[in-house]
Amino acid sequence: MTSTEAYAACYRHSGEPFVRGEGCYLVDQAGSRFLDLGAGVAVSSLGHGHPALISAIAQQAQDLIHTSNLYETPSKREIVAKLASLTGLERVFLSNSGAEANEAAIKLARRTFQVVRNEDRHQIIAADHSFHGRTMGALSATGQPKYWKGFEPLLPGFSFVPYGDTEALRNATNEKTAAILLEPIQGEGGVIVPSDDYLKAAREIANDAGALLIFDEIQTGVSRTGRFLACQHAGVVPDALTLAKGIAGGLPLGALVYGEHLAEALVPGTHASTFGGNPVACAAANVVVDTVSTPDFMAHVQSLGEQIIQELTTRLAGLPHVQEVRGRGLLLGVVLTEPAKPFVTELFNRGVLTTVAGGNVLRLSPPLVITKEELKTGLDEIVDVLTGWHA
């Protein structure tokens, strides 16, 4: 059996193995260079081989790699304090991934009511086309039945409403509702951006129902949209939120961040993670967060996104297979009238990495440090592929 055959068949790998990263480029085993407009699915916020990131990882690995959460480390203390400050919430639980962070959020919501407040509330309302992860709790909250097949029965107590529909959300809440769980922008669902009013209404509806509002900021957080949190565009503060992906520059780290008013729900013995908050991952996260959370950096990300939307909208105007270009900051989608996968494949063949979202959306989530020159290279290829597709 070859090494390739030994892989679990969960993935369809493309091309030669990548062996090196250089800024916003990946280099494969054959020496070919690829412009990375996917950033490992919105993970490599500082690109590849960022000097400060590499230095912090190397130094922390030399000093201390692991202790478990029975003990504290300086890098963990630092990132927890930064996340609390930047989100306006006071408590942080560190995990290894976004799915784990969402599992913790679900447990937080249910235990808050069933134990701390002694109320019979357990229902979680999520949205159609949402994606919250592939572990059983997160999968149960994911509003895409195609991911459920073969894994049912899922966990009970989850219901779904159309994304962006305020009245449907209001009508779904009742005395059993523990939490409303939403993505401020649906990433995997197709880079769907709701109105700011929708997120404000979700806050109001949760308050009226006596339920928690939880935002899944795994794909949108850590300055991906031009604010540290996507919900900050609408000025909405949730009771809890989850982070992962871009938080540690490619090392595994996730976070559940929640308000002090929920602190009693998670106490010793209720939830834990052996590797969560690993010192090396936290050292990386400190560099990423320090870099991307400055006002000038976030303003640049937001401005760059607006420029890309304007340019692609203009250059792709009139193409029958292109519906629109949408997104916020550097989480963008070119919405097509047909499956996006063939376009992703053709761009790969031309040395540009992109991803599919929602089946028919060509998603762009480049490193946040990408230059205008690098973007021009990528956008020129995208326009060339799309304009020539049905010529």
Protein backbone atom coordinates (compact mmCIF):
# COMPACT_ATOMS: atom_id res chain seq x y z
CA MET A 1 0.00 0.00 0.00
CA THR A 2 1.37 3.42 -0.97
CA SER A 3 1.32 6.39 1.37
CA THR A 4 -1.44 7.94 -0.74
CA GLU A 5 -3.57 4.79 -0.51
CA ALA A 6 -3.18 4.80 3.27
CA TYR A 7 -5.04 8.09 3.62
CA ALA A 8 -8.64 8.00 4.81
CA ALA A 9 -10.69 8.59 1.68
CA CYS A 10 -12.25 11.77 3.10
CA TYR A 11 -10.29 14.08 0.82
CA ARG A 12 -9.60 14.53 -2.88
CA HIS A 13 -6.03 15.76 -3.05
CA SER A 14 -4.97 17.88 -6.01
CA GLY A 15 -1.62 17.79 -7.78
CA GLU A 16 1.83 17.25 -6.29
CA PRO A 17 2.40 17.57 -2.54
CA PHE A 18 3.21 21.06 -1.34
CA VAL A 19 6.62 21.24 0.32
CA ARG A 20 7.18 24.92 1.03
CA GLY A 21 5.38 28.21 1.58
CA GLU A 22 6.68 31.63 0.65
CA GLY A 23 4.48 34.56 1.64
CA CYS A 24 1.25 34.20 -0.35
CA TYR A 25 2.62 31.36 -2.47
CA LEU A 26 2.85 27.61 -2.01
CA VAL A 27 5.50 25.56 -3.79
CA ASP A 28 4.92 21.93 -4.74
CA GLN A 29 7.31 19.00 -4.93
CA ALA A 30 7.96 19.69 -8.62
CA GLY A 31 8.90 23.31 -7.91
CA SER A 32 5.70 24.88 -9.27
CA ARG A 33 4.44 28.00 -7.47
CA PHE A 34 0.77 28.59 -6.62
CA LEU A 35 -0.76 31.88 -5.55
CA ASP A 36 -2.79 31.02 -2.46
CA LEU A 37 -6.15 32.81 -2.60
CA GLY A 38 -7.65 30.26 -0.21
CA ALA A 39 -5.19 30.50 2.71
CA GLY A 40 -5.91 26.91 3.69
CA VAL A 41 -9.62 27.79 3.95
CA ALA A 42 -9.13 31.16 5.66
CA VAL A 43 -6.47 29.88 8.04
CA SER A 44 -3.06 31.27 6.97
CA SER A 45 -3.84 34.90 7.79
CA LEU A 46 -0.17 35.92 7.72
CA GLY A 47 0.62 33.80 4.69
CA HIS A 48 3.39 31.22 4.72
CA GLY A 49 6.76 31.55 6.42
CA HIS A 50 5.99 34.85 8.16
CA PRO A 51 9.23 35.68 10.05
CA ALA A 52 7.66 36.82 13.33
CA LEU A 53 5.32 33.84 13.37
CA ILE A 54 8.10 31.34 12.67
CA SER A 55 10.30 32.93 15.32
CA ALA A 56 7.60 32.77 18.00
CA ILE A 57 6.77 29.15 17.20
CA ALA A 58 10.44 28.12 17.24
CA GLN A 59 11.15 29.91 20.51
CA GLN A 60 8.09 28.46 22.25
CA ALA A 61 8.88 24.96 20.97
CA GLN A 62 12.35 25.32 22.40
CA ASP A 63 11.06 26.61 25.73
CA LEU A 64 8.00 24.40 26.35
CA ILE A 65 5.69 22.41 24.09
CA HIS A 66 3.02 20.97 26.38
CA THR A 67 1.78 21.00 29.97
CA SER A 68 -1.96 20.13 29.71
CA ASN A 69 -4.57 22.49 31.12
CA LEU A 70 -3.75 21.47 34.66
CA TYR A 71 -1.17 24.27 34.50
CA GLU A 72 -0.87 27.74 33.00
CA THR A 73 1.69 29.09 30.56
CA PRO A 74 2.55 32.70 29.65
CA SER A 75 1.52 32.35 26.00
CA LYS A 76 -1.89 31.02 27.03
CA ARG A 77 -2.42 33.78 29.58
CA GLU A 78 -1.56 36.38 26.95
CA ILE A 79 -3.89 35.15 24.21
CA VAL A 80 -6.80 34.68 26.62
CA ALA A 81 -6.44 38.27 27.82
CA LYS A 82 -6.23 39.58 24.25
CA LEU A 83 -9.32 37.70 23.11
CA ALA A 84 -11.32 38.94 26.08
CA SER A 85 -10.27 42.52 25.37
CA LEU A 86 -10.91 42.42 21.62
CA THR A 87 -14.31 40.73 21.86
CA GLY A 88 -15.74 42.54 24.87
CA LEU A 89 -16.44 39.20 26.55
CA GLU A 90 -14.73 38.05 29.72
CA ARG A 91 -14.23 34.28 29.62
CA VAL A 92 -12.26 32.10 27.19
CA PHE A 93 -12.10 28.33 26.72
CA LEU A 94 -9.37 27.16 24.33
CA SER A 95 -9.79 24.13 22.09
CA ASN A 96 -7.99 22.70 19.06
CA SER A 97 -10.50 23.50 16.32
CA GLY A 98 -13.67 25.29 15.35
CA ALA A 99 -15.83 22.21 15.67
CA GLU A 100 -14.58 21.68 19.22
CA ALA A 101 -15.27 25.33 20.04
CA ASN A 102 -18.84 24.93 18.80
CA GLU A 103 -19.27 21.74 20.84
CA ALA A 104 -18.24 23.76 23.88
CA ALA A 105 -20.71 26.51 22.95
CA ILE A 106 -23.58 24.03 22.75
CA LYS A 107 -22.65 22.58 26.14
CA LEU A 108 -22.36 26.09 27.58
CA ALA A 109 -25.86 27.00 26.41
CA ARG A 110 -27.54 23.86 27.69
CA ARG A 111 -25.78 23.76 31.03
CA THR A 112 -26.48 27.46 31.64
CA PHE A 113 -30.20 26.76 31.67
CA GLN A 114 -30.48 23.17 32.85
CA VAL A 115 -28.05 23.44 35.77
CA VAL A 116 -27.16 27.04 36.61
CA ARG A 117 -30.62 28.55 36.07
CA ASN A 118 -32.61 25.36 36.61
CA GLU A 119 -34.78 25.99 33.54
CA ASP A 120 -36.02 23.35 31.13
CA ARG A 121 -34.41 24.86 28.04
CA HIS A 122 -32.30 22.88 25.60
CA GLN A 123 -33.38 23.82 22.07
CA ILE A 124 -30.79 25.38 19.75
CA ILE A 125 -32.02 27.35 16.74
CA ALA A 126 -29.60 27.45 13.80
CA ALA A 127 -29.93 28.47 10.15
CA ASP A 128 -30.47 26.65 6.89
CA HIS A 129 -27.22 26.28 4.91
CA SER A 130 -25.16 26.86 8.05
CA PHE A 131 -21.94 25.00 8.78
CA HIS A 132 -20.66 24.55 12.32
CA GLY A 133 -18.42 21.48 12.04
CA ARG A 134 -18.43 17.71 11.59
CA THR A 135 -18.37 16.38 15.15
CA MET A 136 -21.77 15.15 16.31
CA GLY A 137 -22.93 18.22 18.20
CA ALA A 138 -21.63 20.66 15.61
CA LEU A 139 -23.02 18.48 12.82
CA SER A 140 -26.42 18.47 14.50
CA ALA A 141 -26.33 22.28 14.39
CA THR A 142 -25.32 22.34 10.72
CA GLY A 143 -28.23 23.18 8.44
CA GLN A 144 -27.07 21.15 5.44
CA PRO A 145 -28.69 17.69 5.30
CA LYS A 146 -26.11 16.44 2.79
CA TYR A 147 -23.61 16.29 5.66
CA TRP A 148 -26.00 14.29 7.87
CA LYS A 149 -26.36 11.28 5.59
CA GLY A 150 -25.08 8.11 7.22
CA PHE A 151 -24.57 9.73 10.62
CA GLU A 152 -28.15 9.87 11.85
CA PRO A 153 -29.74 9.94 14.32
CA LEU A 154 -28.17 13.27 15.15
CA LEU A 155 -28.47 14.91 18.55
CA PRO A 156 -32.02 16.02 19.34
CA GLY A 157 -32.99 19.58 20.15
CA PHE A 158 -31.88 21.45 17.01
CA SER A 159 -34.11 23.31 14.58
CA PHE A 160 -33.43 25.45 11.51
CA VAL A 161 -34.82 28.63 10.01
CA PRO A 162 -34.09 30.45 6.73
CA TYR A 163 -30.95 32.57 7.08
CA GLY A 164 -31.66 36.29 7.07
CA ASP A 165 -35.38 35.87 7.80
CA THR A 166 -36.09 37.84 10.97
CA GLU A 167 -39.72 36.79 11.33
CA ALA A 168 -38.89 33.10 10.90
CA LEU A 169 -36.28 33.42 13.62
CA ARG A 170 -38.69 35.18 15.95
CA ASN A 171 -41.45 32.63 15.33
CA ALA A 172 -39.09 29.72 16.02
CA THR A 173 -38.24 30.82 19.56
CA ASN A 174 -40.21 29.60 22.54
CA GLU A 175 -39.86 28.80 26.23
CA LYS A 176 -37.61 25.83 25.39
CA THR A 177 -35.08 27.88 23.39
CA ALA A 178 -31.65 27.89 25.00
CA ALA A 179 -29.72 29.61 22.22
CA ILE A 180 -29.73 31.05 18.73
CA LEU A 181 -26.57 29.98 16.88
CA LEU A 182 -25.67 31.95 13.75
CA GLU A 183 -22.73 32.76 11.50
CA PRO A 184 -22.46 36.54 10.91
CA ILE A 185 -21.59 35.58 7.33
CA GLN A 186 -22.29 32.09 6.06
CA GLY A 187 -18.95 30.93 4.68
CA GLU A 188 -19.44 27.32 3.62
CA GLY A 189 -23.04 28.11 2.74
CA GLY A 190 -21.89 30.38 -0.09
CA VAL A 191 -20.39 33.58 1.41
CA ILE A 192 -23.87 34.87 2.24
CA VAL A 193 -23.79 38.30 3.88
CA PRO A 194 -26.94 39.25 5.83
CA SER A 195 -27.93 42.81 6.59
CA ASP A 196 -26.62 44.37 9.77
CA ASP A 197 -30.25 44.73 10.80
CA TYR A 198 -30.63 40.94 10.77
CA LEU A 199 -27.87 40.49 13.32
CA LYS A 200 -29.32 43.31 15.44
CA ALA A 201 -32.72 41.65 15.27
CA ALA A 202 -31.21 38.32 16.31
CA ARG A 203 -29.86 40.03 19.44
CA GLU A 204 -33.27 41.50 20.19
CA ILE A 205 -35.09 38.21 19.54
CA ALA A 206 -32.73 36.30 21.83
CA ASN A 207 -33.25 38.89 24.55
CA ASP A 208 -37.03 38.74 24.20
CA ALA A 209 -36.98 34.94 24.37
CA GLY A 210 -34.63 34.87 27.34
CA ALA A 211 -32.18 32.85 25.23
CA LEU A 212 -28.48 33.18 24.46
CA LEU A 213 -27.14 34.55 21.19
CA ILE A 214 -24.05 32.71 19.95
CA PHE A 215 -22.08 33.76 16.89
CA ASP A 216 -19.91 31.27 15.03
CA GLU A 217 -17.02 33.52 13.95
CA ILE A 218 -14.75 30.63 13.01
CA GLN A 219 -14.41 31.68 9.36
CA THR A 220 -15.20 35.38 9.79
CA GLY A 221 -13.30 36.28 12.94
CA VAL A 222 -9.76 37.50 13.63
CA SER A 223 -10.03 40.44 11.19
CA ARG A 224 -11.01 38.40 8.13
CA THR A 225 -13.81 40.86 7.28
CA GLY A 226 -12.04 44.08 8.26
CA ARG A 227 -13.18 44.11 11.88
CA PHE A 228 -11.82 41.75 14.52
CA LEU A 229 -15.27 40.14 14.57
CA ALA A 230 -17.75 40.24 11.71
CA CYS A 231 -20.57 40.96 14.17
CA GLN A 232 -18.81 44.21 15.09
CA HIS A 233 -19.84 45.68 11.72
CA ALA A 234 -23.39 45.61 13.07
CA GLY A 235 -22.40 46.67 16.58
CA VAL A 236 -23.85 43.49 18.07
CA VAL A 237 -22.35 41.80 21.13
CA PRO A 238 -23.38 38.14 21.54
CA ASP A 239 -23.46 36.18 24.76
CA ALA A 240 -20.82 33.87 23.35
CA LEU A 241 -18.84 33.37 20.16
CA THR A 242 -16.46 30.86 18.66
CA LEU A 243 -13.15 31.41 16.87
CA ALA A 244 -10.63 29.18 15.08
CA LYS A 245 -9.21 29.01 11.53
CA GLY A 246 -7.14 32.21 11.18
CA ILE A 247 -6.39 32.62 14.87
CA ALA A 248 -3.00 30.85 15.01
CA GLY A 249 -1.54 31.13 11.53
CA GLY A 250 -2.00 27.46 10.70
CA LEU A 251 -1.53 25.78 14.07
CA PRO A 252 -4.56 24.08 15.65
CA LEU A 253 -6.38 26.41 18.02
CA GLY A 254 -10.01 27.27 18.66
CA ALA A 255 -11.76 29.37 21.26
CA LEU A 256 -15.13 29.74 22.91
CA VAL A 257 -15.39 33.28 24.25
CA TYR A 258 -18.33 34.11 26.51
CA GLY A 259 -19.65 36.64 28.97
CA GLU A 260 -19.06 36.67 32.70
CA HIS A 261 -22.81 36.16 33.21
CA LEU A 262 -22.32 32.60 31.90
CA ALA A 263 -19.19 31.82 33.90
CA GLU A 264 -20.92 29.42 36.31
CA ALA A 265 -21.85 27.04 33.49
CA LEU A 266 -18.31 25.82 32.87
CA VAL A 267 -16.56 24.85 36.08
CA PRO A 268 -14.01 22.09 36.81
CA GLY A 269 -15.29 18.74 35.62
CA THR A 270 -17.83 20.09 33.11
CA HIS A 271 -15.61 20.50 30.05
CA ALA A 272 -11.93 20.11 29.18
CA SER A 273 -9.36 19.61 26.44
CA THR A 274 -5.99 17.88 26.76
CA PHE A 275 -4.33 19.83 23.95
CA GLY A 276 -6.50 22.97 23.87
CA GLY A 277 -4.45 26.08 24.49
CA ASN A 278 -1.19 24.36 23.61
CA PRO A 279 1.70 26.75 24.38
CA VAL A 280 3.07 26.66 20.82
CA ALA A 281 -0.32 27.33 19.23
CA CYS A 282 -0.92 30.15 21.71
CA ALA A 283 2.47 31.70 20.93
CA ALA A 284 1.51 31.68 17.26
CA ALA A 285 -1.91 33.15 18.04
CA ASN A 286 -0.35 36.03 19.96
CA VAL A 287 1.66 37.04 16.89
CA VAL A 288 -1.34 36.72 14.56
CA VAL A 289 -3.71 38.64 16.82
CA ASP A 290 -1.17 41.40 17.52
CA THR A 291 -0.58 41.81 13.78
CA VAL A 292 -4.15 41.77 12.47
CA SER A 293 -6.00 43.62 15.23
CA THR A 294 -4.56 47.11 14.74
CA PRO A 295 -7.02 49.69 13.36
CA ASP A 296 -4.86 50.40 10.30
CA PHE A 297 -4.51 46.72 9.43
CA MET A 298 -8.24 46.07 9.72
CA ALA A 299 -9.10 49.18 7.71
CA HIS A 300 -6.74 47.96 4.98
CA VAL A 301 -8.44 44.55 4.87
CA GLN A 302 -11.87 46.16 4.61
CA SER A 303 -10.74 48.58 1.90
CA LEU A 304 -9.04 45.83 -0.08
CA GLY A 305 -12.23 43.77 -0.03
CA GLU A 306 -14.29 46.69 -1.29
CA GLN A 307 -11.82 47.25 -4.12
CA ILE A 308 -11.92 43.58 -5.15
CA ILE A 309 -15.72 43.51 -5.21
CA GLN A 310 -15.82 46.67 -7.31
CA GLU A 311 -13.15 45.46 -9.74
CA LEU A 312 -14.58 41.97 -10.25
CA THR A 313 -18.12 43.30 -10.54
CA THR A 314 -17.00 45.67 -13.28
CA ARG A 315 -14.78 43.23 -15.16
CA LEU A 316 -17.26 40.34 -15.02
CA ALA A 317 -20.34 42.42 -15.87
CA GLY A 318 -22.49 40.91 -18.58
CA LEU A 319 -21.25 37.33 -18.23
CA PRO A 320 -24.35 35.10 -18.17
CA HIS A 321 -22.76 32.57 -15.81
CA VAL A 322 -21.78 35.18 -13.18
CA GLN A 323 -24.56 36.40 -10.88
CA GLU A 324 -22.74 38.67 -8.46
CA VAL A 325 -19.62 39.26 -6.40
CA ARG A 326 -20.24 39.52 -2.66
CA GLY A 327 -18.54 39.34 0.70
CA ARG A 328 -16.83 41.49 3.28
CA GLY A 329 -13.15 42.23 3.75
CA LEU A 330 -11.14 39.30 2.45
CA LEU A 331 -13.93 36.74 2.60
CA LEU A 332 -15.41 37.00 -0.89
CA GLY A 333 -17.46 34.94 -3.29
CA VAL A 334 -18.07 35.03 -7.03
CA VAL A 335 -21.59 33.63 -7.37
CA LEU A 336 -22.06 31.52 -10.50
CA THR A 337 -25.07 30.00 -12.24
CA GLU A 338 -23.30 26.63 -12.40
CA PRO A 339 -21.03 24.52 -10.18
CA ALA A 340 -17.84 26.29 -9.15
CA LYS A 341 -15.62 23.21 -8.95
CA PRO A 342 -14.56 23.21 -12.65
CA PHE A 343 -13.47 26.84 -12.31
CA VAL A 344 -11.48 26.03 -9.15
CA THR A 345 -9.79 23.18 -11.05
CA GLU A 346 -8.90 25.39 -14.02
CA LEU A 347 -7.49 28.07 -11.74
CA PHE A 348 -5.43 25.40 -9.96
CA ASN A 349 -4.03 24.35 -13.33
CA ARG A 350 -3.02 27.98 -13.84
CA GLY A 351 -1.31 28.20 -10.45
CA VAL A 352 -4.04 29.94 -8.44
CA LEU A 353 -5.67 28.31 -5.40
CA THR A 354 -9.32 29.02 -4.63
CA THR A 355 -12.12 27.04 -2.96
CA VAL A 356 -15.79 26.20 -3.48
CA ALA A 357 -18.55 27.43 -1.17
CA GLY A 358 -22.22 26.57 -1.43
CA GLY A 359 -21.65 24.53 -4.59
CA ASN A 360 -21.85 27.43 -7.03
CA VAL A 361 -19.64 30.05 -5.38
CA LEU A 362 -15.96 30.61 -6.17
CA ARG A 363 -14.62 31.61 -2.76
CA LEU A 364 -11.64 33.89 -2.20
CA SER A 365 -10.10 34.03 1.29
CA PRO A 366 -6.46 35.02 0.71
CA PRO A 367 -3.90 35.73 3.42
CA LEU A 368 -4.68 39.06 5.03
CA VAL A 369 -1.15 40.25 4.18
CA ILE A 370 -1.58 39.79 0.42
CA THR A 371 -0.26 42.69 -1.67
CA LYS A 372 -2.13 44.55 -4.38
CA GLU A 373 0.33 43.19 -6.93
CA GLU A 374 -0.34 39.61 -5.85
CA LEU A 375 -4.06 40.26 -5.93
CA LYS A 376 -3.80 41.66 -9.44
CA THR A 377 -2.13 38.45 -10.57
CA GLY A 378 -4.91 36.36 -9.06
CA LEU A 379 -7.79 38.54 -10.22
CA ASP A 380 -6.44 38.66 -13.77
CA GLU A 381 -6.44 34.85 -13.87
CA ILE A 382 -9.96 34.66 -12.42
CA VAL A 383 -11.29 37.14 -14.97
CA ASP A 384 -9.50 35.35 -17.80
CA VAL A 385 -10.97 31.98 -16.82
CA LEU A 386 -14.50 33.28 -16.31
CA THR A 387 -14.62 35.43 -19.45
CA GLY A 388 -13.26 32.65 -21.63
CA TRP A 389 -15.34 29.82 -20.18
CA HIS A 390 -18.27 29.97 -22.59
CA ALA A 391 -16.60 32.03 -25.31
